[in-house]
PDB file of N, CA and C in Angstrom:
ATOM      1  N   MET A   1      -3.839 -26.835 -22.609  1.00  0.00           N
ATOM      2  CA  MET A   1      -3.773 -25.658 -21.834  1.00  0.00           C
ATOM      3  C   MET A   1      -4.057 -24.397 -22.502  1.00  0.00           C
ATOM      4  N   ALA A   2      -4.955 -23.567 -21.782  1.00  0.00           N
ATOM      5  CA  ALA A   2      -5.271 -22.211 -22.449  1.00  0.00           C
ATOM      6  C   ALA A   2      -4.299 -21.307 -22.553  1.00  0.00           C
ATOM      7  N   LYS A   3      -4.207 -20.537 -23.666  1.00  0.00           N
ATOM      8  CA  LYS A   3      -3.194 -19.557 -23.965  1.00  0.00           C
ATOM      9  C   LYS A   3      -3.598 -18.411 -23.307  1.00  0.00           C
ATOM     10  N   ASN A   4      -2.775 -17.602 -22.638  1.00  0.00           N
ATOM     11  CA  ASN A   4      -3.228 -16.279 -21.777  1.00  0.00           C
ATOM     12  C   ASN A   4      -3.202 -15.219 -22.948  1.00  0.00           C
ATOM     13  N   ASP A   5      -4.084 -14.226 -23.017  1.00  0.00           N
ATOM     14  CA  ASP A   5      -4.149 -13.178 -23.903  1.00  0.00           C
ATOM     15  C   ASP A   5      -3.547 -12.031 -23.331  1.00  0.00           C
ATOM     16  N   PRO A   6      -2.375 -11.611 -23.977  1.00  0.00           N
ATOM     17  CA  PRO A   6      -1.427 -10.610 -23.123  1.00  0.00           C
ATOM     18  C   PRO A   6      -2.285  -9.133 -22.925  1.00  0.00           C
ATOM     19  N   VAL A   7      -3.168  -9.071 -23.875  1.00  0.00           N
ATOM     20  CA  VAL A   7      -4.085  -7.767 -23.710  1.00  0.00           C
ATOM     21  C   VAL A   7      -4.886  -7.737 -22.347  1.00  0.00           C
ATOM     22  N   LYS A   8      -5.079  -9.061 -21.948  1.00  0.00           N
ATOM     23  CA  LYS A   8      -6.047  -8.980 -20.683  1.00  0.00           C
ATOM     24  C   LYS A   8      -5.150  -9.178 -19.424  1.00  0.00           C
ATOM     25  N   GLU A   9      -3.964  -9.111 -19.536  1.00  0.00           N
ATOM     26  CA  GLU A   9      -3.104  -9.439 -18.305  1.00  0.00           C
ATOM     27  C   GLU A   9      -3.151  -8.297 -17.435  1.00  0.00           C
ATOM     28  N   LEU A  10      -2.881  -8.627 -16.014  1.00  0.00           N
ATOM     29  CA  LEU A  10      -2.925  -7.625 -15.063  1.00  0.00           C
ATOM     30  C   LEU A  10      -1.440  -7.043 -14.797  1.00  0.00           C
ATOM     31  N   ASN A  11      -1.248  -5.925 -14.784  1.00  0.00           N
ATOM     32  CA  ASN A  11       0.090  -5.190 -14.403  1.00  0.00           C
ATOM     33  C   ASN A  11       0.140  -4.591 -13.104  1.00  0.00           C
ATOM     34  N   LEU A  12       0.851  -5.132 -12.132  1.00  0.00           N
ATOM     35  CA  LEU A  12       0.722  -4.831 -10.712  1.00  0.00           C
ATOM     36  C   LEU A  12       2.043  -3.908 -10.472  1.00  0.00           C
ATOM     37  N   ILE A  13       1.766  -2.910  -9.734  1.00  0.00           N
ATOM     38  CA  ILE A  13       2.744  -2.088  -9.078  1.00  0.00           C
ATOM     39  C   ILE A  13       2.571  -2.273  -7.694  1.00  0.00           C
ATOM     40  N   GLY A  14       3.679  -3.012  -7.184  1.00  0.00           N
ATOM     41  CA  GLY A  14       3.327  -3.497  -5.727  1.00  0.00           C
ATOM     42  C   GLY A  14       4.074  -2.501  -4.784  1.00  0.00           C
ATOM     43  N   PRO A  15       3.494  -2.714  -3.430  1.00  0.00           N
ATOM     44  CA  PRO A  15       4.005  -1.814  -2.330  1.00  0.00           C
ATOM     45  C   PRO A  15       5.566  -1.472  -2.369  1.00  0.00           C
ATOM     46  N   GLY A  16       5.747  -0.245  -1.956  1.00  0.00           N
ATOM     47  CA  GLY A  16       7.143   0.091  -1.910  1.00  0.00           C
ATOM     48  C   GLY A  16       7.639   0.428  -3.190  1.00  0.00           C
ATOM     49  N   THR A  17       6.927   0.395  -4.406  1.00  0.00           N
ATOM     50  CA  THR A  17       7.536   0.685  -5.602  1.00  0.00           C
ATOM     51  C   THR A  17       6.971   2.067  -6.087  1.00  0.00           C
ATOM     52  N   VAL A  18       7.815   2.967  -6.564  1.00  0.00           N
ATOM     53  CA  VAL A  18       7.422   4.199  -7.103  1.00  0.00           C
ATOM     54  C   VAL A  18       7.842   4.396  -8.546  1.00  0.00           C
ATOM     55  N   ILE A  19       7.064   4.810  -9.408  1.00  0.00           N
ATOM     56  CA  ILE A  19       6.996   4.841 -10.620  1.00  0.00           C
ATOM     57  C   ILE A  19       6.889   6.399 -11.179  1.00  0.00           C
ATOM     58  N   GLU A  20       7.838   7.039 -11.852  1.00  0.00           N
ATOM     59  CA  GLU A  20       7.538   8.364 -12.404  1.00  0.00           C
ATOM     60  C   GLU A  20       7.446   8.347 -13.865  1.00  0.00           C
ATOM     61  N   GLY A  21       6.452   8.801 -14.344  1.00  0.00           N
ATOM     62  CA  GLY A  21       6.080   8.816 -15.788  1.00  0.00           C
ATOM     63  C   GLY A  21       4.869   8.211 -16.195  1.00  0.00           C
ATOM     64  N   LYS A  22       4.619   8.058 -17.353  1.00  0.00           N
ATOM     65  CA  LYS A  22       3.265   7.683 -17.985  1.00  0.00           C
ATOM     66  C   LYS A  22       3.205   6.052 -17.996  1.00  0.00           C
ATOM     67  N   ILE A  23       2.156   5.780 -17.731  1.00  0.00           N
ATOM     68  CA  ILE A  23       1.866   4.201 -17.930  1.00  0.00           C
ATOM     69  C   ILE A  23       0.602   4.001 -18.729  1.00  0.00           C
ATOM     70  N   ARG A  24       0.823   2.990 -19.864  1.00  0.00           N
ATOM     71  CA  ARG A  24      -0.151   2.776 -20.738  1.00  0.00           C
ATOM     72  C   ARG A  24      -0.189   1.321 -20.869  1.00  0.00           C
ATOM     73  N   SER A  25      -1.428   0.669 -20.591  1.00  0.00           N
ATOM     74  CA  SER A  25      -1.627  -0.731 -20.715  1.00  0.00           C
ATOM     75  C   SER A  25      -2.977  -1.046 -21.548  1.00  0.00           C
ATOM     76  N   GLN A  26      -2.742  -2.196 -22.283  1.00  0.00           N
ATOM     77  CA  GLN A  26      -3.767  -2.671 -23.147  1.00  0.00           C
ATOM     78  C   GLN A  26      -4.904  -3.692 -22.283  1.00  0.00           C
ATOM     79  N   GLY A  27      -4.154  -3.935 -20.924  1.00  0.00           N
ATOM     80  CA  GLY A  27      -4.944  -4.770 -20.136  1.00  0.00           C
ATOM     81  C   GLY A  27      -5.331  -3.883 -18.867  1.00  0.00           C
ATOM     82  N   SER A  28      -5.158  -4.482 -17.469  1.00  0.00           N
ATOM     83  CA  SER A  28      -5.690  -3.933 -16.406  1.00  0.00           C
ATOM     84  C   SER A  28      -4.461  -3.555 -15.604  1.00  0.00           C
ATOM     85  N   VAL A  29      -4.465  -2.548 -14.763  1.00  0.00           N
ATOM     86  CA  VAL A  29      -3.440  -2.143 -13.818  1.00  0.00           C
ATOM     87  C   VAL A  29      -3.957  -2.056 -12.635  1.00  0.00           C
ATOM     88  N   ARG A  30      -3.163  -2.557 -11.440  1.00  0.00           N
ATOM     89  CA  ARG A  30      -3.392  -2.477 -10.129  1.00  0.00           C
ATOM     90  C   ARG A  30      -2.175  -1.739  -9.365  1.00  0.00           C
ATOM     91  N   VAL A  31      -2.558  -0.550  -8.687  1.00  0.00           N
ATOM     92  CA  VAL A  31      -1.469   0.187  -7.926  1.00  0.00           C
ATOM     93  C   VAL A  31      -1.485  -0.048  -6.486  1.00  0.00           C
ATOM     94  N   ASP A  32      -0.614  -0.623  -5.910  1.00  0.00           N
ATOM     95  CA  ASP A  32      -0.326  -0.880  -4.380  1.00  0.00           C
ATOM     96  C   ASP A  32       0.857  -0.045  -4.054  1.00  0.00           C
ATOM     97  N   GLY A  33       1.614   0.553  -4.890  1.00  0.00           N
ATOM     98  CA  GLY A  33       2.803   1.604  -4.660  1.00  0.00           C
ATOM     99  C   GLY A  33       2.232   2.895  -4.831  1.00  0.00           C
ATOM    100  N   LYS A  34       3.164   3.582  -5.452  1.00  0.00           N
ATOM    101  CA  LYS A  34       3.054   5.150  -5.801  1.00  0.00           C
ATOM    102  C   LYS A  34       3.360   5.457  -7.365  1.00  0.00           C
ATOM    103  N   VAL A  35       2.436   6.201  -8.165  1.00  0.00           N
ATOM    104  CA  VAL A  35       2.801   6.487  -9.399  1.00  0.00           C
ATOM    105  C   VAL A  35       2.731   7.933  -9.507  1.00  0.00           C
ATOM    106  N   VAL A  36       3.758   8.687 -10.046  1.00  0.00           N
ATOM    107  CA  VAL A  36       3.730  10.101 -10.334  1.00  0.00           C
ATOM    108  C   VAL A  36       3.459  10.129 -11.843  1.00  0.00           C
ATOM    109  N   GLY A  37       2.447  10.446 -12.286  1.00  0.00           N
ATOM    110  CA  GLY A  37       2.377  10.521 -13.773  1.00  0.00           C
ATOM    111  C   GLY A  37       0.949   9.957 -14.274  1.00  0.00           C
ATOM    112  N   GLU A  38       0.549  10.007 -15.498  1.00  0.00           N
ATOM    113  CA  GLU A  38      -0.559   9.389 -15.972  1.00  0.00           C
ATOM    114  C   GLU A  38      -0.657   8.063 -16.167  1.00  0.00           C
ATOM    115  N   VAL A  39      -1.727   7.535 -15.972  1.00  0.00           N
ATOM    116  CA  VAL A  39      -1.982   6.113 -15.974  1.00  0.00           C
ATOM    117  C   VAL A  39      -3.099   5.882 -16.832  1.00  0.00           C
ATOM    118  N   THR A  40      -2.981   5.067 -17.839  1.00  0.00           N
ATOM    119  CA  THR A  40      -4.057   4.728 -19.024  1.00  0.00           C
ATOM    120  C   THR A  40      -4.207   3.291 -19.187  1.00  0.00           C
ATOM    121  N   ALA A  41      -5.343   2.713 -18.844  1.00  0.00           N
ATOM    122  CA  ALA A  41      -5.586   1.277 -18.897  1.00  0.00           C
ATOM    123  C   ALA A  41      -6.673   0.981 -19.880  1.00  0.00           C
ATOM    124  N   SER A  42      -6.601   0.068 -20.772  1.00  0.00           N
ATOM    125  CA  SER A  42      -7.720  -0.250 -21.792  1.00  0.00           C
ATOM    126  C   SER A  42      -8.736  -1.029 -21.026  1.00  0.00           C
ATOM    127  N   GLU A  43      -8.423  -1.732 -19.948  1.00  0.00           N
ATOM    128  CA  GLU A  43      -9.447  -2.530 -19.052  1.00  0.00           C
ATOM    129  C   GLU A  43      -9.738  -1.721 -17.730  1.00  0.00           C
ATOM    130  N   SER A  44      -9.369  -2.290 -16.748  1.00  0.00           N
ATOM    131  CA  SER A  44      -9.632  -1.590 -15.265  1.00  0.00           C
ATOM    132  C   SER A  44      -8.398  -1.049 -14.726  1.00  0.00           C
ATOM    133  N   LEU A  45      -8.623  -0.219 -14.058  1.00  0.00           N
ATOM    134  CA  LEU A  45      -7.541   0.365 -13.211  1.00  0.00           C
ATOM    135  C   LEU A  45      -8.074   0.278 -11.535  1.00  0.00           C
ATOM    136  N   ALA A  46      -7.124  -0.262 -10.729  1.00  0.00           N
ATOM    137  CA  ALA A  46      -7.524  -0.416  -9.362  1.00  0.00           C
ATOM    138  C   ALA A  46      -6.415   0.329  -8.542  1.00  0.00           C
ATOM    139  N   VAL A  47      -6.883   0.885  -7.532  1.00  0.00           N
ATOM    140  CA  VAL A  47      -5.712   1.540  -6.692  1.00  0.00           C
ATOM    141  C   VAL A  47      -5.961   1.188  -5.242  1.00  0.00           C
ATOM    142  N   GLY A  48      -5.165   0.019  -4.650  1.00  0.00           N
ATOM    143  CA  GLY A  48      -5.261  -0.381  -3.484  1.00  0.00           C
ATOM    144  C   GLY A  48      -5.187   0.527  -2.328  1.00  0.00           C
ATOM    145  N   ILE A  49      -5.466   0.002  -1.036  1.00  0.00           N
ATOM    146  CA  ILE A  49      -5.650   1.062   0.119  1.00  0.00           C
ATOM    147  C   ILE A  49      -4.458   1.653   0.258  1.00  0.00           C
ATOM    148  N   ALA A  50      -3.158   1.131  -0.095  1.00  0.00           N
ATOM    149  CA  ALA A  50      -1.979   1.730   0.239  1.00  0.00           C
ATOM    150  C   ALA A  50      -1.418   2.358  -1.100  1.00  0.00           C
ATOM    151  N   GLY A  51      -2.199   2.336  -2.035  1.00  0.00           N
ATOM    152  CA  GLY A  51      -1.811   2.856  -3.493  1.00  0.00           C
ATOM    153  C   GLY A  51      -1.960   4.342  -3.578  1.00  0.00           C
ATOM    154  N   GLU A  52      -1.144   4.838  -4.299  1.00  0.00           N
ATOM    155  CA  GLU A  52      -1.359   6.337  -4.587  1.00  0.00           C
ATOM    156  C   GLU A  52      -0.981   6.717  -6.043  1.00  0.00           C
ATOM    157  N   ILE A  53      -1.873   7.595  -6.561  1.00  0.00           N
ATOM    158  CA  ILE A  53      -1.574   8.169  -8.019  1.00  0.00           C
ATOM    159  C   ILE A  53      -1.609   9.693  -7.899  1.00  0.00           C
ATOM    160  N   GLU A  54      -0.411  10.376  -8.343  1.00  0.00           N
ATOM    161  CA  GLU A  54      -0.359  11.691  -8.477  1.00  0.00           C
ATOM    162  C   GLU A  54      -0.358  12.049 -10.143  1.00  0.00           C
ATOM    163  N   GLY A  55      -1.530  12.153 -10.696  1.00  0.00           N
ATOM    164  CA  GLY A  55      -1.634  12.361 -12.212  1.00  0.00           C
ATOM    165  C   GLY A  55      -3.112  12.043 -12.664  1.00  0.00           C
ATOM    166  N   ASN A  56      -3.341  12.194 -13.882  1.00  0.00           N
ATOM    167  CA  ASN A  56      -4.649  11.948 -14.568  1.00  0.00           C
ATOM    168  C   ASN A  56      -4.825  10.426 -14.720  1.00  0.00           C
ATOM    169  N   VAL A  57      -5.900   9.815 -14.647  1.00  0.00           N
ATOM    170  CA  VAL A  57      -5.966   8.498 -15.069  1.00  0.00           C
ATOM    171  C   VAL A  57      -7.224   8.150 -15.889  1.00  0.00           C
ATOM    172  N   SER A  58      -7.149   7.231 -16.694  1.00  0.00           N
ATOM    173  CA  SER A  58      -8.320   6.913 -17.419  1.00  0.00           C
ATOM    174  C   SER A  58      -8.319   5.433 -17.781  1.00  0.00           C
ATOM    175  N   ALA A  59      -9.573   4.781 -17.615  1.00  0.00           N
ATOM    176  CA  ALA A  59      -9.632   3.268 -17.764  1.00  0.00           C
ATOM    177  C   ALA A  59     -11.143   2.927 -18.006  1.00  0.00           C
ATOM    178  N   LYS A  60     -11.438   1.804 -18.438  1.00  0.00           N
ATOM    179  CA  LYS A  60     -12.912   1.358 -18.706  1.00  0.00           C
ATOM    180  C   LYS A  60     -13.515   1.366 -17.279  1.00  0.00           C
ATOM    181  N   ASN A  61     -13.070   0.785 -16.269  1.00  0.00           N
ATOM    182  CA  ASN A  61     -13.618   0.742 -14.931  1.00  0.00           C
ATOM    183  C   ASN A  61     -12.445   1.442 -14.045  1.00  0.00           C
ATOM    184  N   VAL A  62     -12.755   2.161 -12.825  1.00  0.00           N
ATOM    185  CA  VAL A  62     -11.711   2.463 -11.874  1.00  0.00           C
ATOM    186  C   VAL A  62     -12.137   2.339 -10.554  1.00  0.00           C
ATOM    187  N   THR A  63     -11.504   1.818  -9.956  1.00  0.00           N
ATOM    188  CA  THR A  63     -11.700   1.459  -8.324  1.00  0.00           C
ATOM    189  C   THR A  63     -10.654   1.948  -7.496  1.00  0.00           C
ATOM    190  N   VAL A  64     -10.991   2.942  -6.433  1.00  0.00           N
ATOM    191  CA  VAL A  64     -10.097   3.449  -5.790  1.00  0.00           C
ATOM    192  C   VAL A  64     -10.232   3.227  -4.373  1.00  0.00           C
ATOM    193  N   GLY A  65      -9.115   2.580  -3.678  1.00  0.00           N
ATOM    194  CA  GLY A  65      -9.269   2.302  -2.149  1.00  0.00           C
ATOM    195  C   GLY A  65      -8.315   3.164  -1.537  1.00  0.00           C
ATOM    196  N   GLY A  66      -7.222   3.644  -2.241  1.00  0.00           N
ATOM    197  CA  GLY A  66      -6.294   4.604  -1.800  1.00  0.00           C
ATOM    198  C   GLY A  66      -6.333   5.976  -2.158  1.00  0.00           C
ATOM    199  N   LYS A  67      -5.339   6.639  -2.682  1.00  0.00           N
ATOM    200  CA  LYS A  67      -5.401   8.120  -3.150  1.00  0.00           C
ATOM    201  C   LYS A  67      -5.223   8.317  -4.383  1.00  0.00           C
ATOM    202  N   ILE A  68      -5.861   9.297  -5.081  1.00  0.00           N
ATOM    203  CA  ILE A  68      -5.683   9.753  -6.400  1.00  0.00           C
ATOM    204  C   ILE A  68      -5.779  11.396  -6.327  1.00  0.00           C
ATOM    205  N   ARG A  69      -4.662  12.007  -6.854  1.00  0.00           N
ATOM    206  CA  ARG A  69      -4.805  13.469  -7.170  1.00  0.00           C
ATOM    207  C   ARG A  69      -4.568  13.694  -8.550  1.00  0.00           C
ATOM    208  N   GLY A  70      -5.690  13.944  -9.149  1.00  0.00           N
ATOM    209  CA  GLY A  70      -5.796  14.297 -10.605  1.00  0.00           C
ATOM    210  C   GLY A  70      -7.159  13.896 -11.277  1.00  0.00           C
ATOM    211  N   ALA A  71      -7.378  13.894 -12.440  1.00  0.00           N
ATOM    212  CA  ALA A  71      -8.596  13.898 -13.124  1.00  0.00           C
ATOM    213  C   ALA A  71      -8.788  12.336 -13.283  1.00  0.00           C
ATOM    214  N   ILE A  72     -10.157  11.829 -13.217  1.00  0.00           N
ATOM    215  CA  ILE A  72     -10.362  10.379 -13.482  1.00  0.00           C
ATOM    216  C   ILE A  72     -11.256  10.420 -14.669  1.00  0.00           C
ATOM    217  N   ASN A  73     -11.073   9.651 -15.698  1.00  0.00           N
ATOM    218  CA  ASN A  73     -12.053   9.357 -16.701  1.00  0.00           C
ATOM    219  C   ASN A  73     -12.154   8.105 -16.911  1.00  0.00           C
ATOM    220  N   ALA A  74     -13.569   7.573 -16.623  1.00  0.00           N
ATOM    221  CA  ALA A  74     -13.818   6.061 -16.673  1.00  0.00           C
ATOM    222  C   ALA A  74     -14.860   5.947 -17.690  1.00  0.00           C
ATOM    223  N   VAL A  75     -14.773   5.024 -18.638  1.00  0.00           N
ATOM    224  CA  VAL A  75     -15.788   4.836 -19.734  1.00  0.00           C
ATOM    225  C   VAL A  75     -17.039   4.236 -19.175  1.00  0.00           C
ATOM    226  N   GLU A  76     -16.913   3.430 -18.114  1.00  0.00           N
ATOM    227  CA  GLU A  76     -17.957   2.767 -17.640  1.00  0.00           C
ATOM    228  C   GLU A  76     -18.311   3.413 -16.051  1.00  0.00           C
ATOM    229  N   LYS A  77     -17.507   2.651 -15.231  1.00  0.00           N
ATOM    230  CA  LYS A  77     -17.834   2.922 -13.859  1.00  0.00           C
ATOM    231  C   LYS A  77     -16.607   3.455 -12.883  1.00  0.00           C
ATOM    232  N   ILE A  78     -16.829   4.294 -12.012  1.00  0.00           N
ATOM    233  CA  ILE A  78     -15.901   4.627 -11.002  1.00  0.00           C
ATOM    234  C   ILE A  78     -16.399   4.135  -9.554  1.00  0.00           C
ATOM    235  N   VAL A  79     -15.655   3.681  -8.748  1.00  0.00           N
ATOM    236  CA  VAL A  79     -15.849   3.153  -7.433  1.00  0.00           C
ATOM    237  C   VAL A  79     -15.019   3.942  -6.511  1.00  0.00           C
ATOM    238  N   PHE A  80     -15.341   4.505  -5.527  1.00  0.00           N
ATOM    239  CA  PHE A  80     -14.685   5.122  -4.368  1.00  0.00           C
ATOM    240  C   PHE A  80     -15.021   4.438  -3.113  1.00  0.00           C
ATOM    241  N   GLU A  81     -13.872   3.547  -2.698  1.00  0.00           N
ATOM    242  CA  GLU A  81     -14.299   2.745  -1.342  1.00  0.00           C
ATOM    243  C   GLU A  81     -14.144   3.693  -0.298  1.00  0.00           C
ATOM    244  N   GLY A  82     -14.422   3.065   0.880  1.00  0.00           N
ATOM    245  CA  GLY A  82     -14.633   3.556   2.284  1.00  0.00           C
ATOM    246  C   GLY A  82     -13.433   4.583   2.538  1.00  0.00           C
ATOM    247  N   LYS A  83     -12.234   4.107   2.484  1.00  0.00           N
ATOM    248  CA  LYS A  83     -11.097   4.677   2.959  1.00  0.00           C
ATOM    249  C   LYS A  83     -10.336   5.579   1.921  1.00  0.00           C
ATOM    250  N   SER A  84     -10.926   5.751   0.653  1.00  0.00           N
ATOM    251  CA  SER A  84     -10.178   6.407  -0.270  1.00  0.00           C
ATOM    252  C   SER A  84     -10.175   7.972  -0.148  1.00  0.00           C
ATOM    253  N   MET A  85      -9.319   8.577  -0.896  1.00  0.00           N
ATOM    254  CA  MET A  85      -9.255  10.059  -0.918  1.00  0.00           C
ATOM    255  C   MET A  85      -8.846  10.408  -2.395  1.00  0.00           C
ATOM    256  N   VAL A  86      -9.694  11.240  -2.978  1.00  0.00           N
ATOM    257  CA  VAL A  86      -9.766  11.520  -4.242  1.00  0.00           C
ATOM    258  C   VAL A  86      -9.921  13.003  -4.325  1.00  0.00           C
ATOM    259  N   ARG A  87      -8.889  13.756  -4.978  1.00  0.00           N
ATOM    260  CA  ARG A  87      -8.944  15.284  -5.333  1.00  0.00           C
ATOM    261  C   ARG A  87      -8.738  15.322  -6.717  1.00  0.00           C
ATOM    262  N   GLY A  88      -9.792  15.637  -7.533  1.00  0.00           N
ATOM    263  CA  GLY A  88      -9.658  16.014  -8.843  1.00  0.00           C
ATOM    264  C   GLY A  88     -11.045  15.667  -9.467  1.00  0.00           C
ATOM    265  N   ASP A  89     -11.325  16.292 -10.759  1.00  0.00           N
ATOM    266  CA  ASP A  89     -12.690  16.188 -11.428  1.00  0.00           C
ATOM    267  C   ASP A  89     -12.561  14.698 -11.916  1.00  0.00           C
ATOM    268  N   ILE A  90     -13.858  14.122 -12.055  1.00  0.00           N
ATOM    269  CA  ILE A  90     -13.987  12.835 -12.451  1.00  0.00           C
ATOM    270  C   ILE A  90     -15.230  12.923 -13.544  1.00  0.00           C
ATOM    271  N   ARG A  91     -15.160  11.867 -14.469  1.00  0.00           N
ATOM    272  CA  ARG A  91     -16.169  11.771 -15.548  1.00  0.00           C
ATOM    273  C   ARG A  91     -16.392  10.224 -15.625  1.00  0.00           C
ATOM    274  N   ALA A  92     -17.803   9.862 -15.616  1.00  0.00           N
ATOM    275  CA  ALA A  92     -17.900   8.356 -15.720  1.00  0.00           C
ATOM    276  C   ALA A  92     -19.443   8.441 -16.188  1.00  0.00           C
ATOM    277  N   THR A  93     -19.904   7.075 -16.542  1.00  0.00           N
ATOM    278  CA  THR A  93     -21.130   6.796 -16.745  1.00  0.00           C
ATOM    279  C   THR A  93     -22.021   6.278 -15.566  1.00  0.00           C
ATOM    280  N   ARG A  94     -21.230   5.667 -14.693  1.00  0.00           N
ATOM    281  CA  ARG A  94     -21.659   5.332 -13.196  1.00  0.00           C
ATOM    282  C   ARG A  94     -20.663   5.532 -12.351  1.00  0.00           C
ATOM    283  N   LEU A  95     -21.282   5.958 -10.912  1.00  0.00           N
ATOM    284  CA  LEU A  95     -20.307   6.247  -9.950  1.00  0.00           C
ATOM    285  C   LEU A  95     -20.961   5.774  -8.734  1.00  0.00           C
ATOM    286  N   VAL A  96     -19.968   5.180  -7.788  1.00  0.00           N
ATOM    287  CA  VAL A  96     -20.217   4.662  -6.669  1.00  0.00           C
ATOM    288  C   VAL A  96     -19.294   5.222  -5.488  1.00  0.00           C
ATOM    289  N   ILE A  97     -20.169   5.916  -4.494  1.00  0.00           N
ATOM    290  CA  ILE A  97     -19.016   6.397  -3.451  1.00  0.00           C
ATOM    291  C   ILE A  97     -19.365   5.813  -2.133  1.00  0.00           C
ATOM    292  N   ASP A  98     -18.552   5.000  -1.571  1.00  0.00           N
ATOM    293  CA  ASP A  98     -18.901   4.379  -0.186  1.00  0.00           C
ATOM    294  C   ASP A  98     -18.654   5.397   0.739  1.00  0.00           C
ATOM    295  N   GLU A  99     -19.440   5.051   1.875  1.00  0.00           N
ATOM    296  CA  GLU A  99     -19.336   5.989   3.201  1.00  0.00           C
ATOM    297  C   GLU A  99     -17.921   5.947   3.756  1.00  0.00           C
ATOM    298  N   GLY A 100     -17.406   7.201   3.989  1.00  0.00           N
ATOM    299  CA  GLY A 100     -16.197   7.299   4.664  1.00  0.00           C
ATOM    300  C   GLY A 100     -15.071   7.728   3.581  1.00  0.00           C
ATOM    301  N   CYS A 101     -15.431   7.754   2.280  1.00  0.00           N
ATOM    302  CA  CYS A 101     -14.755   8.345   1.271  1.00  0.00           C
ATOM    303  C   CYS A 101     -14.564   9.859   1.382  1.00  0.00           C
ATOM    304  N   ILE A 102     -13.289  10.350   0.963  1.00  0.00           N
ATOM    305  CA  ILE A 102     -13.068  11.890   0.922  1.00  0.00           C
ATOM    306  C   ILE A 102     -12.765  12.088  -0.543  1.00  0.00           C
ATOM    307  N   PHE A 103     -13.787  13.162  -1.067  1.00  0.00           N
ATOM    308  CA  PHE A 103     -13.947  13.426  -2.515  1.00  0.00           C
ATOM    309  C   PHE A 103     -13.872  14.968  -2.486  1.00  0.00           C
ATOM    310  N   ASP A 104     -12.919  15.606  -3.386  1.00  0.00           N
ATOM    311  CA  ASP A 104     -13.018  16.937  -3.600  1.00  0.00           C
ATOM    312  C   ASP A 104     -12.742  17.165  -5.189  1.00  0.00           C
ATOM    313  N   GLY A 105     -13.853  17.614  -5.726  1.00  0.00           N
ATOM    314  CA  GLY A 105     -13.740  17.844  -7.072  1.00  0.00           C
ATOM    315  C   GLY A 105     -15.200  17.907  -7.679  1.00  0.00           C
ATOM    316  N   ARG A 106     -15.215  17.913  -9.103  1.00  0.00           N
ATOM    317  CA  ARG A 106     -16.394  17.976  -9.919  1.00  0.00           C
ATOM    318  C   ARG A 106     -16.718  16.588 -10.442  1.00  0.00           C
ATOM    319  N   VAL A 107     -17.996  16.291 -10.663  1.00  0.00           N
ATOM    320  CA  VAL A 107     -18.381  15.125 -11.309  1.00  0.00           C
ATOM    321  C   VAL A 107     -19.262  15.502 -12.525  1.00  0.00           C
ATOM    322  N   THR A 108     -18.838  14.935 -13.667  1.00  0.00           N
ATOM    323  CA  THR A 108     -19.683  14.666 -15.042  1.00  0.00           C
ATOM    324  C   THR A 108     -20.006  13.343 -15.279  1.00  0.00           C
ATOM    325  N   MET A 109     -21.427  13.269 -15.441  1.00  0.00           N
ATOM    326  CA  MET A 109     -21.760  11.939 -15.913  1.00  0.00           C
ATOM    327  C   MET A 109     -22.117  11.819 -17.176  1.00  0.00           C
ATOM    328  N   ALA A 110     -21.408  10.948 -18.063  1.00  0.00           N
ATOM    329  CA  ALA A 110     -21.347  11.057 -19.363  1.00  0.00           C
ATOM    330  C   ALA A 110     -21.856   9.735 -20.024  1.00  0.00           C
ATOM    331  N   ASP A 111     -22.421   9.785 -21.236  1.00  0.00           N
ATOM    332  CA  ASP A 111     -22.881   8.616 -21.837  1.00  0.00           C
ATOM    333  C   ASP A 111     -21.518   7.745 -22.222  1.00  0.00           C
ATOM    334  N   LYS A 112     -21.818   6.448 -22.379  1.00  0.00           N
ATOM    335  CA  LYS A 112     -20.642   5.635 -22.575  1.00  0.00           C
ATOM    336  C   LYS A 112     -20.247   6.033 -24.067  1.00  0.00           C
ATOM    337  N   GLY A 113     -18.965   6.197 -24.143  1.00  0.00           N
ATOM    338  CA  GLY A 113     -18.314   6.405 -25.417  1.00  0.00           C
ATOM    339  C   GLY A 113     -18.065   7.747 -25.807  1.00  0.00           C
ATOM    340  N   SER A 114     -18.476   8.640 -24.968  1.00  0.00           N
ATOM    341  CA  SER A 114     -18.247   9.932 -25.211  1.00  0.00           C
ATOM    342  C   SER A 114     -16.981  10.300 -24.937  1.00  0.00           C
ATOM    343  N   SER A 115     -16.370  11.410 -25.632  1.00  0.00           N
ATOM    344  CA  SER A 115     -14.850  11.747 -25.255  1.00  0.00           C
ATOM    345  C   SER A 115     -15.028  12.869 -24.157  1.00  0.00           C
ATOM    346  N   TYR A 116     -13.668  12.920 -23.538  1.00  0.00           N
ATOM    347  CA  TYR A 116     -13.435  13.833 -22.462  1.00  0.00           C
ATOM    348  C   TYR A 116     -12.082  14.181 -22.347  1.00  0.00           C
ATOM    349  N   GLU A 117     -11.843  15.586 -22.206  1.00  0.00           N
ATOM    350  CA  GLU A 117     -10.781  16.191 -22.043  1.00  0.00           C
ATOM    351  C   GLU A 117     -10.550  16.750 -20.589  1.00  0.00           C
ATOM    352  N   PRO A 118      -9.805  16.319 -19.604  1.00  0.00           N
ATOM    353  CA  PRO A 118      -9.931  16.869 -18.244  1.00  0.00           C
ATOM    354  C   PRO A 118      -9.374  18.404 -18.245  1.00  0.00           C
ATOM    355  N   ARG A 119      -9.952  19.060 -17.302  1.00  0.00           N
ATOM    356  CA  ARG A 119      -9.627  20.429 -17.208  1.00  0.00           C
ATOM    357  C   ARG A 119      -8.190  20.613 -16.419  1.00  0.00           C
ATOM    358  N   HIS A 120      -7.356  21.411 -16.481  1.00  0.00           N
ATOM    359  CA  HIS A 120      -6.223  21.508 -15.869  1.00  0.00           C
ATOM    360  C   HIS A 120      -6.174  22.890 -15.035  1.00  0.00           C
TER     361      HIS A 120
END
């Protein structure tokens, strides 16, 4: 039986759950509830259609189906799905915006590995 690598595990914030404070993960994070505060994931961050984040986020890849109010920093790619609502500045190497998304903010396309400090 293969051993699971705890660094690559998925951390799930389920529907109806509200978390206030900073979240830092060496793996991936999926938000289907609400987070008020900063979210940092070494791997991927996904916000489900019912998910909501009020705060700055950073991860290798970010996929948004719900709402984010805050700056987004992705080392590789950001995807805004059709019903997502994003208010805040974003920075990524690649950006995908599906039809129907609401986005209000500035976009900075960066080379992989460059540092980013969000404006407040």
